[in-house]
Structures are given as structure tokens and as C-alpha cells.
Amino acid sequence: MDRFFLLSERGTTPRREMLAGLATFLTMAYIVVVNPGMMAAAGIDHGAAFVATCLAAAIGSALMAVLANYPIALAPGMGLNAYFAFAVVGGMGVPWPVALGAVFLSGLIFFAVSMFGFREWLINSIPLSLKLGIAAGIGLFLGLIGLQGMGLVVDNPATLVTLGPLHEPKTLLSCFGFLLIAGLVARGVTGGVVIGIAVTALLGVPLGLTNFQGIVALPPSLAPTFLQMDIAGALKLGVAGIVFTFFMVDLLDNAGTLIATTHRAGLMAKDGSVPRLGRALMADSGGAMIGAALGTSTTVSYIESAAGVQAGGRTGLTALTVAVLFLLTLFLAPLATSIPGFATAPALVLVACLMTQGLRDLAWDDITEYLPAIVVTIATPFTFSIASGIELGFITYVAVKLVAGRGREVHGAVWLIAALSAARFVLGA
């Protein structure tokens, strides 16, 4: 195990990696509740979608562990599942088997360009300033989600957002959990994130806020969705735009997550490149195809993996632990889904705070570098879209460099991403 995962080389231990995997799992376990609901809205059997979600997360995370040795877990992506259910199936009237076929084809395209090194060339060509902005932007995106989960931020028709009711027991418990987690991390307590989540959830029991619904339950049947994807239907010209959108959003979301988590874990090279990026991207694309075959929307790398990184995860053993926990979730669904959102939300806020640290490394004396990075940072949470924030950053980077008379500094890959991003906005894809 030590030789395969390079535990000693990265200064970690099996116990630390497993605790980190538990931390990541607890912060992303909500997907086993949310995603089946999304898929059910698209007409997919809820029980089958639950099993598909767990299996897609387990297989995808295991692929990342074995192929790339990164502490990054995978699962059906938030945002893409909403696009699948409400835009493609609900809005465009595309049958869900055809939509699954489109997800499979986008994963296949991903895999093909990964094999030829195109995606690796693309992502490694992104300037360091944009990578730092992406990491910070995703951090603030997580922070907004976490603050919503804590009840500190709520919607307001006049101001878009406002301060939530601080007197609510859930909000008070969440605030306590955040301070506890932050204090434990500051003291260097291994597994401090997990301890904080567990304590917060347990404190909710006597208040009736944490409802343990049992321990063991047999998993539902996967038959209603297994291999039900309609690839032939997805190959029709009318679905080409859908496949392209899945491809672009998957590319940018995965790129953002890989950049953010490897930077936070100290695994990014000094020049800003991501080692073994090709293998990580193959795990992503393979997970997307397998997820479609099982019956769920696009499987992506999860930014919640940053919680495990903060807990000490540095190798694929963290991701493998997440994979095992998702398999156990098939049989322990009542227990796994009993951890309330107000207990995991504080961990996301803490991670958000930590992920903004990279902004200190920006070239603050060069506006053509730091301005696009800040655009990504603020656009990601305010558009509530990792992909949109990244796209706006690329467009800004190219435009500012060009107007400043420094267009030659822009790498060809950056021009390509900016052009594709602009096309997606113009076409409304």
C-alpha cells in the first residue's frame, strides 16, 4: 500500500488517508439524496437512480485512486444533473434515455481527446493566474453553498441575498460546528473536520434536528436504468448541441476541480502544471461513461474533495476510501443520509476560506494577469456556476491582453477556450 500510493513520499499515513476519505465522503454524501431526486424529475426510477449514483461515485473515485493517485472523489455533478433534468429533459423534451446517450457520448469524446493528450495540453496551457483565480472562485462558490446550508445566507427579492435568521437552532449549531472545526484544524488535530461534523450532528439529536432513520436497508434494483441509454438517438443532429454543452461544462468543471484541489494539496508543479493530469482526466471521462451506462448524469471530480485534502489526504487512498464508503452506502443508506446538511455545511465554509489563499501569489503588479483572475473569483459564486465563472475569466484574459497590445502572450489553448466560451454564451447553449 505504501509503495503503490506513495504514502511515505507524500508524508502521510493510511489512518490519515482514511480519515480524509471519510471527511470527503461526509461533505459529498448529500449527492445520494439530491441526485436521485433530480433524476426522478426527469422520469428516471428513483430507486435505480439512487443505486446508479452510489455505484457511479464508487467506480469513478476508484478509477481516480488507481489511475492518478489523487485524493479526489467523483460523483454525479451538481449543475450538470440540473441541466440534464430540467433543461434537456424537462425544457427540450428530450427523452431521458437519449439524454443519457448524450452524457455517454460527451464522456467518450472526453476519453478520446484524453488519450491523445489534447485535454492535458489544454489544461496545462492555462496561465497560473487563471488557475489561482479558478481555485479561489471555486472556494467562494463552496463558501456560498456552505453559508446557505448553515442558514446564514438566504434569498431576498430586493437584494438577491441577505443574512438569515441567526436565532434558528440549526444555524446556531452550524456556527458552533464551524468554530469547532476551525479550532481543531488550527490545533493541527488530525481528522478535525470529521470530528467537527460528527459532534455537530450528534448535538442535533436531542433537539430533534438529526434524525437517524436506521442502519441497514437492501439496495433497490438497478434494472430500470442499467444500459438504457439511447446512443443512436443522441447521435441525431438535434442533440449535437446538448453533447457539446455536456462536454464543455464537464471539461471546465473538472479542470477547475483538479486545479483547485491539487493546488491546495501541494501536488501542483512549480510551473502551475498538474502532474499525471492525463490519467486524472481519463478517470473523469471513464467515470462519465460508466455513470451514463448505470443511469445517471455526468460523473465529475468533486470540489468537496478539498475537505479531505484539508483533513490530510494526499494520495489515491483517500479516493479509494470514498469509493468503499459509497459502496457501503448501498446497504447503509438510512445511516449515510442521516448526517444533516447543517453539520456538513461548516466544513465547506472552512475549505472556502482556505482555498482563497492562492490569490496572494497573483502578479498584483500586472493588471492583465490579476484582473481576469479576480473576474473568475467573483463570477463563479455570483453566477452560481463554476463553468460560467471560468469561461468569463478566459474571455476577459484574452480581451485585456489583446487591448493592452500583449496578444502574443496568450497561448493558443487559451484563445481556443475563450472562443468556445464566447460561442456558448452567444448561442445560449
Protein backbone atom coordinates (compact mmCIF):
# COMPACT_ATOMS: atom_id res chain seq x y z
CA MET A 1 0.00 0.00 0.00
CA ASP A 2 2.80 2.40 0.87
CA ARG A 3 4.61 1.74 -2.41
CA PHE A 4 1.51 1.87 -4.59
CA PHE A 5 0.07 5.09 -3.14
CA LEU A 6 3.45 6.67 -2.24
CA LEU A 7 2.28 7.32 1.31
CA SER A 8 5.72 7.89 2.83
CA GLU A 9 6.85 10.04 -0.08
CA ARG A 10 3.89 12.37 0.44
CA GLY A 11 4.25 12.42 4.21
CA THR A 12 1.01 10.69 5.10
CA THR A 13 -0.29 7.50 6.72
CA PRO A 14 -3.10 5.01 6.00
CA ARG A 15 -5.06 6.26 9.03
CA ARG A 16 -4.82 9.87 7.91
CA GLU A 17 -5.83 8.99 4.35
CA MET A 18 -8.85 7.02 5.54
CA LEU A 19 -9.96 9.83 7.83
CA ALA A 20 -9.56 12.22 4.93
CA GLY A 21 -11.68 9.93 2.78
CA LEU A 22 -14.34 9.94 5.48
CA ALA A 23 -14.24 13.75 5.58
CA THR A 24 -14.69 13.96 1.80
CA PHE A 25 -17.48 11.40 1.86
CA LEU A 26 -19.40 13.21 4.60
CA THR A 27 -19.26 16.52 2.73
CA MET A 28 -20.49 14.99 -0.54
CA ALA A 29 -22.84 12.30 0.81
CA TYR A 30 -25.74 14.66 0.13
CA ILE A 31 -25.49 13.64 -3.52
CA VAL A 32 -27.07 10.25 -2.75
CA VAL A 33 -30.20 12.15 -1.72
CA VAL A 34 -30.16 15.09 -4.13
CA ASN A 35 -29.19 13.36 -7.37
CA PRO A 36 -31.87 10.64 -7.32
CA GLY A 37 -34.44 13.40 -6.80
CA MET A 38 -33.09 15.24 -9.84
CA MET A 39 -33.15 12.09 -11.94
CA ALA A 40 -36.67 11.29 -10.76
CA ALA A 41 -37.73 14.73 -12.01
CA ALA A 42 -36.51 13.58 -15.44
CA GLY A 43 -38.69 10.46 -15.24
CA ILE A 44 -35.99 8.03 -14.08
CA ASP A 45 -36.87 5.49 -11.40
CA HIS A 46 -35.82 6.96 -8.02
CA GLY A 47 -34.53 3.71 -6.54
CA ALA A 48 -32.47 2.87 -9.61
CA ALA A 49 -31.09 6.41 -9.66
CA PHE A 50 -30.00 6.01 -6.02
CA VAL A 51 -28.07 2.83 -6.84
CA ALA A 52 -26.62 4.38 -10.02
CA THR A 53 -25.46 7.42 -8.02
CA CYS A 54 -23.68 5.29 -5.42
CA LEU A 55 -22.07 2.98 -7.99
CA ALA A 56 -21.00 5.83 -10.29
CA ALA A 57 -19.37 7.61 -7.34
CA ALA A 58 -17.65 4.43 -6.15
CA ILE A 59 -16.33 3.39 -9.56
CA GLY A 60 -15.27 6.91 -10.55
CA SER A 61 -13.46 7.51 -7.26
CA ALA A 62 -11.72 4.14 -7.51
CA LEU A 63 -10.56 4.97 -11.04
CA MET A 64 -9.09 8.26 -9.80
CA ALA A 65 -7.33 6.43 -6.97
CA VAL A 66 -5.79 3.73 -9.14
CA LEU A 67 -5.04 5.68 -12.32
CA ALA A 68 -3.91 9.06 -10.95
CA ASN A 69 -3.26 8.54 -7.21
CA TYR A 70 -5.05 11.77 -6.34
CA PRO A 71 -7.22 12.39 -3.24
CA ILE A 72 -10.11 13.41 -5.49
CA ALA A 73 -13.50 11.74 -5.37
CA LEU A 74 -16.03 11.59 -8.18
CA ALA A 75 -19.83 11.52 -8.28
CA PRO A 76 -22.67 12.79 -10.49
CA GLY A 77 -22.08 16.53 -10.73
CA MET A 78 -24.35 19.18 -9.29
CA GLY A 79 -25.32 21.63 -12.00
CA LEU A 80 -24.96 19.07 -14.75
CA ASN A 81 -27.70 16.96 -13.15
CA ALA A 82 -29.96 20.03 -13.06
CA TYR A 83 -29.15 20.77 -16.71
CA PHE A 84 -29.90 17.13 -17.54
CA ALA A 85 -33.24 17.01 -15.70
CA PHE A 86 -34.69 20.49 -16.12
CA ALA A 87 -33.12 21.88 -19.32
CA VAL A 88 -32.59 18.84 -21.56
CA VAL A 89 -35.39 16.51 -20.48
CA GLY A 90 -37.85 18.97 -18.98
CA GLY A 91 -37.19 22.02 -21.16
CA MET A 92 -36.27 20.50 -24.53
CA GLY A 93 -38.45 17.41 -24.22
CA VAL A 94 -35.57 15.02 -24.88
CA PRO A 95 -36.37 11.51 -23.56
CA TRP A 96 -34.15 10.58 -20.62
CA PRO A 97 -32.58 7.57 -22.41
CA VAL A 98 -31.46 9.93 -25.21
CA ALA A 99 -30.14 12.40 -22.63
CA LEU A 100 -28.14 9.57 -21.04
CA GLY A 101 -26.82 8.75 -24.51
CA ALA A 102 -25.65 12.36 -24.84
CA VAL A 103 -23.87 12.07 -21.49
CA PHE A 104 -22.18 8.88 -22.68
CA LEU A 105 -21.05 10.47 -25.95
CA SER A 106 -19.62 13.52 -24.16
CA GLY A 107 -17.68 11.15 -21.90
CA LEU A 108 -16.49 9.20 -24.94
CA ILE A 109 -15.25 12.40 -26.60
CA PHE A 110 -13.54 13.29 -23.34
CA PHE A 111 -11.83 9.93 -23.22
CA ALA A 112 -10.71 10.15 -26.85
CA VAL A 113 -9.13 13.59 -26.51
CA SER A 114 -7.56 12.49 -23.21
CA MET A 115 -5.89 9.55 -24.95
CA PHE A 116 -4.33 11.94 -27.46
CA GLY A 117 -3.22 14.36 -24.76
CA PHE A 118 -5.44 17.20 -26.02
CA ARG A 119 -7.12 17.85 -22.67
CA GLU A 120 -3.80 17.65 -20.85
CA TRP A 121 -2.28 20.17 -23.28
CA LEU A 122 -5.33 22.37 -22.87
CA ILE A 123 -5.34 22.49 -19.08
CA ASN A 124 -1.57 22.73 -18.63
CA SER A 125 -1.63 25.72 -21.01
CA ILE A 126 -3.88 27.71 -18.69
CA PRO A 127 -1.81 30.56 -17.18
CA LEU A 128 -1.04 30.33 -13.47
CA SER A 129 -3.02 33.50 -12.72
CA LEU A 130 -6.23 31.96 -14.07
CA LYS A 131 -5.53 28.73 -12.19
CA LEU A 132 -5.21 30.68 -8.95
CA GLY A 133 -8.40 32.56 -9.75
CA ILE A 134 -10.20 29.31 -10.53
CA ALA A 135 -9.14 27.82 -7.19
CA ALA A 136 -10.30 30.91 -5.28
CA GLY A 137 -13.52 31.18 -7.28
CA ILE A 138 -14.44 27.57 -6.59
CA GLY A 139 -13.60 28.22 -2.96
CA LEU A 140 -16.06 31.12 -2.81
CA PHE A 141 -18.61 29.01 -4.69
CA LEU A 142 -18.26 26.37 -1.96
CA GLY A 143 -18.46 29.11 0.64
CA LEU A 144 -21.79 30.33 -0.72
CA ILE A 145 -23.17 26.79 -0.73
CA GLY A 146 -21.90 26.28 2.80
CA LEU A 147 -23.36 29.55 4.08
CA GLN A 148 -26.70 28.62 2.53
CA GLY A 149 -26.52 25.23 4.20
CA MET A 150 -25.77 26.88 7.54
CA GLY A 151 -28.73 29.22 7.15
CA LEU A 152 -26.52 32.30 7.29
CA VAL A 153 -27.36 33.34 3.72
CA VAL A 154 -30.92 33.33 2.37
CA ASP A 155 -32.53 34.77 -0.74
CA ASN A 156 -34.10 38.22 -0.81
CA PRO A 157 -36.14 39.63 -3.71
CA ALA A 158 -34.73 43.13 -3.19
CA THR A 159 -31.05 42.41 -2.55
CA LEU A 160 -30.72 38.87 -4.01
CA VAL A 161 -29.19 37.60 -0.76
CA THR A 162 -29.33 38.65 2.88
CA LEU A 163 -28.46 37.45 6.39
CA GLY A 164 -30.54 34.52 7.57
CA PRO A 165 -32.28 34.12 10.95
CA LEU A 166 -29.44 33.65 13.42
CA HIS A 167 -31.80 32.52 16.19
CA GLU A 168 -32.67 29.28 14.40
CA PRO A 169 -31.25 26.22 16.25
CA LYS A 170 -29.84 24.73 13.03
CA THR A 171 -28.00 27.94 12.23
CA LEU A 172 -26.63 28.22 15.75
CA LEU A 173 -25.43 24.60 15.64
CA SER A 174 -23.82 25.21 12.25
CA CYS A 175 -21.99 28.27 13.55
CA PHE A 176 -20.78 26.25 16.52
CA GLY A 177 -19.66 23.50 14.14
CA PHE A 178 -17.71 25.96 12.01
CA LEU A 179 -15.90 27.41 15.02
CA LEU A 180 -15.20 23.91 16.37
CA ILE A 181 -13.81 22.67 13.05
CA ALA A 182 -11.71 25.81 12.59
CA GLY A 183 -10.31 25.49 16.11
CA LEU A 184 -9.47 21.80 15.68
CA VAL A 185 -7.76 22.49 12.35
CA ALA A 186 -5.82 25.37 13.89
CA ARG A 187 -4.62 22.99 16.63
CA GLY A 188 -3.48 20.53 13.96
CA VAL A 189 -5.89 17.81 15.08
CA THR A 190 -5.91 15.02 12.50
CA GLY A 191 -9.47 14.39 11.38
CA GLY A 192 -10.62 17.68 12.91
CA VAL A 193 -13.10 18.19 10.08
CA VAL A 194 -14.68 14.76 10.66
CA ILE A 195 -14.80 15.30 14.42
CA GLY A 196 -16.49 18.67 13.98
CA ILE A 197 -19.10 17.24 11.59
CA ALA A 198 -19.82 14.30 13.93
CA VAL A 199 -20.12 16.47 17.05
CA THR A 200 -22.43 18.93 15.30
CA ALA A 201 -24.67 16.12 14.02
CA LEU A 202 -24.83 14.47 17.46
CA LEU A 203 -25.75 17.75 19.14
CA GLY A 204 -28.72 17.90 16.81
CA VAL A 205 -30.16 14.60 18.13
CA PRO A 206 -31.66 15.84 21.42
CA LEU A 207 -33.04 18.89 19.59
CA GLY A 208 -34.77 16.70 17.03
CA LEU A 209 -32.70 18.15 14.21
CA THR A 210 -30.72 14.99 13.46
CA ASN A 211 -32.97 12.05 12.69
CA PHE A 212 -31.23 8.69 12.47
CA GLN A 213 -33.53 6.60 10.31
CA GLY A 214 -31.97 3.21 10.85
CA ILE A 215 -28.85 1.45 9.71
CA VAL A 216 -29.34 -1.30 7.13
CA ALA A 217 -31.54 -1.49 4.04
CA LEU A 218 -31.28 -3.59 0.90
CA PRO A 219 -30.46 -1.55 -2.23
CA PRO A 220 -33.19 -1.09 -4.85
CA SER A 221 -32.93 -2.65 -8.31
CA LEU A 222 -30.76 -1.02 -10.97
CA ALA A 223 -32.64 -2.71 -13.81
CA PRO A 224 -34.83 0.28 -14.80
CA THR A 225 -31.79 2.35 -15.83
CA PHE A 226 -28.91 -0.07 -16.46
CA LEU A 227 -27.76 0.23 -20.10
CA GLN A 228 -30.94 2.10 -21.03
CA MET A 229 -29.05 4.96 -22.69
CA ASP A 230 -30.05 5.65 -26.30
CA ILE A 231 -26.80 6.39 -28.11
CA ALA A 232 -28.40 6.22 -31.56
CA GLY A 233 -30.92 8.87 -30.55
CA ALA A 234 -28.16 11.04 -29.13
CA LEU A 235 -26.24 10.87 -32.42
CA LYS A 236 -29.01 12.77 -34.18
CA LEU A 237 -28.10 16.28 -35.26
CA GLY A 238 -30.62 17.89 -32.93
CA VAL A 239 -28.77 16.59 -29.86
CA ALA A 240 -25.30 17.71 -31.01
CA GLY A 241 -25.60 20.97 -29.08
CA ILE A 242 -26.52 19.08 -25.91
CA VAL A 243 -23.47 16.81 -26.27
CA PHE A 244 -21.27 19.87 -26.80
CA THR A 245 -22.65 21.56 -23.69
CA PHE A 246 -22.10 18.46 -21.57
CA PHE A 247 -18.56 18.28 -22.96
CA MET A 248 -17.68 21.93 -22.33
CA VAL A 249 -19.17 22.14 -18.85
CA ASP A 250 -17.60 18.80 -17.88
CA LEU A 251 -14.22 20.00 -19.18
CA LEU A 252 -14.28 23.27 -17.27
CA ASP A 253 -15.74 21.84 -14.06
CA ASN A 254 -13.20 19.02 -13.96
CA ALA A 255 -10.35 21.35 -14.85
CA GLY A 256 -11.37 23.72 -12.09
CA THR A 257 -11.65 20.96 -9.50
CA LEU A 258 -8.34 19.34 -10.44
CA ILE A 259 -6.55 22.69 -10.36
CA ALA A 260 -8.11 23.76 -7.07
CA THR A 261 -7.56 20.51 -5.17
CA THR A 262 -4.04 19.80 -6.41
CA HIS A 263 -3.03 23.36 -5.59
CA ARG A 264 -4.49 23.07 -2.09
CA ALA A 265 -2.84 19.66 -1.54
CA GLY A 266 0.55 20.93 -2.65
CA LEU A 267 0.59 18.47 -5.56
CA MET A 268 0.73 21.07 -8.33
CA ALA A 269 4.12 21.53 -10.01
CA LYS A 270 6.03 24.80 -9.54
CA ASP A 271 5.18 25.90 -13.07
CA GLY A 272 1.48 25.50 -12.35
CA SER A 273 1.04 22.24 -14.28
CA VAL A 274 -0.81 19.26 -12.81
CA PRO A 275 1.26 16.04 -12.74
CA ARG A 276 -0.41 12.88 -14.09
CA LEU A 277 -3.17 15.09 -15.45
CA GLY A 278 -3.82 12.75 -18.37
CA ARG A 279 -4.57 9.85 -16.04
CA ALA A 280 -6.84 12.00 -13.89
CA LEU A 281 -8.76 13.11 -16.97
CA MET A 282 -9.11 9.51 -18.15
CA ALA A 283 -10.61 8.66 -14.76
CA ASP A 284 -13.05 11.58 -15.17
CA SER A 285 -14.12 10.61 -18.66
CA GLY A 286 -14.32 6.92 -17.79
CA GLY A 287 -16.50 7.78 -14.81
CA ALA A 288 -18.81 9.83 -17.02
CA MET A 289 -19.33 6.95 -19.46
CA ILE A 290 -19.87 4.41 -16.69
CA GLY A 291 -22.31 6.72 -14.92
CA ALA A 292 -24.36 7.08 -18.10
CA ALA A 293 -24.41 3.30 -18.54
CA LEU A 294 -25.63 2.91 -14.96
CA GLY A 295 -28.32 5.54 -15.39
CA THR A 296 -27.20 8.91 -14.05
CA SER A 297 -26.00 12.27 -15.34
CA THR A 298 -22.35 13.21 -15.84
CA THR A 299 -19.90 11.99 -13.20
CA VAL A 300 -17.28 14.63 -12.34
CA SER A 301 -14.46 15.32 -9.91
CA TYR A 302 -15.90 16.78 -6.72
CA ILE A 303 -14.66 20.04 -5.27
CA GLU A 304 -15.78 18.71 -1.87
CA SER A 305 -12.62 16.61 -2.10
CA ALA A 306 -10.94 19.72 -0.71
CA ALA A 307 -12.43 18.79 2.68
CA GLY A 308 -10.45 15.55 2.60
CA VAL A 309 -7.33 17.39 1.48
CA GLN A 310 -7.73 19.73 4.45
CA ALA A 311 -8.06 16.65 6.69
CA GLY A 312 -4.66 15.44 5.45
CA GLY A 313 -5.48 13.43 2.31
CA ARG A 314 -2.63 13.42 -0.18
CA THR A 315 -2.97 10.17 -2.17
CA GLY A 316 -5.41 7.97 -4.01
CA LEU A 317 -6.06 6.04 -0.81
CA THR A 318 -8.35 8.92 0.19
CA ALA A 319 -10.37 8.50 -3.01
CA LEU A 320 -10.39 4.71 -2.59
CA THR A 321 -11.81 5.15 0.91
CA VAL A 322 -14.58 7.31 -0.55
CA ALA A 323 -15.28 4.58 -3.12
CA VAL A 324 -15.67 1.95 -0.39
CA LEU A 325 -17.95 4.23 1.64
CA PHE A 326 -20.20 4.80 -1.37
CA LEU A 327 -20.43 1.03 -1.85
CA LEU A 328 -21.37 0.65 1.82
CA THR A 329 -23.95 3.37 1.31
CA LEU A 330 -25.85 0.96 -0.91
CA PHE A 331 -26.61 -1.06 2.22
CA LEU A 332 -26.36 1.68 4.83
CA ALA A 333 -28.45 4.30 3.08
CA PRO A 334 -30.55 5.26 6.13
CA LEU A 335 -27.43 5.90 8.23
CA ALA A 336 -25.46 7.67 5.49
CA THR A 337 -28.29 10.05 4.70
CA SER A 338 -28.90 10.86 8.39
CA ILE A 339 -25.96 13.31 8.56
CA PRO A 340 -27.81 16.62 8.22
CA GLY A 341 -26.73 19.40 5.92
CA PHE A 342 -26.24 21.84 8.77
CA ALA A 343 -23.49 19.55 10.09
CA THR A 344 -21.51 19.32 6.83
CA ALA A 345 -22.03 22.92 5.65
CA PRO A 346 -19.48 24.40 8.10
CA ALA A 347 -16.74 22.24 6.59
CA LEU A 348 -17.44 23.75 3.17
CA VAL A 349 -17.13 27.28 4.57
CA LEU A 350 -13.81 26.44 6.22
CA VAL A 351 -12.48 24.98 2.98
CA ALA A 352 -13.67 28.09 1.12
CA CYS A 353 -11.62 30.29 3.43
CA LEU A 354 -8.53 28.17 2.91
CA MET A 355 -8.86 27.98 -0.87
CA THR A 356 -8.66 31.73 -1.33
CA GLN A 357 -5.07 31.76 -0.06
CA GLY A 358 -3.74 31.23 -3.57
CA LEU A 359 -4.67 34.79 -4.54
CA ARG A 360 -1.63 36.02 -2.61
CA ASP A 361 0.55 34.50 -5.35
CA LEU A 362 -1.00 36.59 -8.13
CA ALA A 363 1.16 39.07 -10.02
CA TRP A 364 -0.50 42.09 -8.40
CA ASP A 365 1.70 44.49 -10.37
CA ASP A 366 0.27 43.26 -13.70
CA ILE A 367 -3.39 44.06 -14.28
CA THR A 368 -3.57 41.81 -17.34
CA GLU A 369 -2.86 38.86 -15.05
CA TYR A 370 -4.67 39.64 -11.80
CA LEU A 371 -7.83 41.23 -13.25
CA PRO A 372 -9.00 38.11 -15.19
CA ALA A 373 -8.23 36.01 -12.11
CA ILE A 374 -10.43 38.22 -9.94
CA VAL A 375 -13.18 38.07 -12.58
CA VAL A 376 -13.16 34.26 -12.22
CA THR A 377 -13.10 34.57 -8.44
CA ILE A 378 -16.17 36.79 -8.18
CA ALA A 379 -18.10 35.50 -11.22
CA THR A 380 -18.06 31.85 -10.10
CA PRO A 381 -20.14 32.30 -6.92
CA PHE A 382 -22.29 35.13 -8.26
CA THR A 383 -23.32 33.22 -11.38
CA PHE A 384 -23.56 30.08 -9.22
CA SER A 385 -21.70 28.23 -11.93
CA ILE A 386 -18.10 27.03 -11.93
CA ALA A 387 -18.14 26.69 -15.71
CA SER A 388 -19.57 30.18 -16.34
CA GLY A 389 -17.09 31.80 -13.97
CA ILE A 390 -14.17 30.11 -15.70
CA GLU A 391 -15.46 31.00 -19.16
CA LEU A 392 -15.86 34.68 -18.25
CA GLY A 393 -12.32 34.65 -16.88
CA PHE A 394 -10.88 33.27 -20.12
CA ILE A 395 -12.76 35.77 -22.25
CA THR A 396 -11.56 38.61 -20.01
CA TYR A 397 -7.95 37.35 -20.10
CA VAL A 398 -7.83 37.32 -23.90
CA ALA A 399 -9.62 40.65 -24.26
CA VAL A 400 -7.45 42.50 -21.74
CA LYS A 401 -4.21 41.10 -23.19
CA LEU A 402 -5.34 41.98 -26.71
CA VAL A 403 -6.37 45.56 -25.88
CA ALA A 404 -3.13 46.04 -23.92
CA GLY A 405 -1.18 45.10 -27.04
CA ARG A 406 0.10 41.87 -25.48
CA GLY A 407 -1.88 39.37 -27.51
CA ARG A 408 1.28 37.39 -28.27
CA GLU A 409 1.44 36.34 -24.62
CA VAL A 410 -1.81 34.41 -24.94
CA HIS A 411 -1.33 30.68 -25.50
CA GLY A 412 -3.23 29.08 -28.39
CA ALA A 413 -5.17 26.87 -25.98
CA VAL A 414 -6.39 29.94 -24.09
CA TRP A 415 -7.57 31.51 -27.35
CA LEU A 416 -9.43 28.27 -28.13
CA ILE A 417 -11.17 28.07 -24.74
CA ALA A 418 -12.10 31.76 -24.88
CA ALA A 419 -13.54 31.36 -28.37
CA LEU A 420 -15.57 28.26 -27.42
CA SER A 421 -16.77 30.01 -24.27
CA ALA A 422 -17.86 33.08 -26.19
CA ALA A 423 -19.64 30.87 -28.72
CA ARG A 424 -21.53 29.09 -25.95
CA PHE A 425 -22.70 32.40 -24.49
CA VAL A 426 -23.71 33.80 -27.89
CA LEU A 427 -25.57 30.65 -28.91
CA GLY A 428 -27.15 30.35 -25.48
CA ALA A 429 -26.04 26.75 -25.17
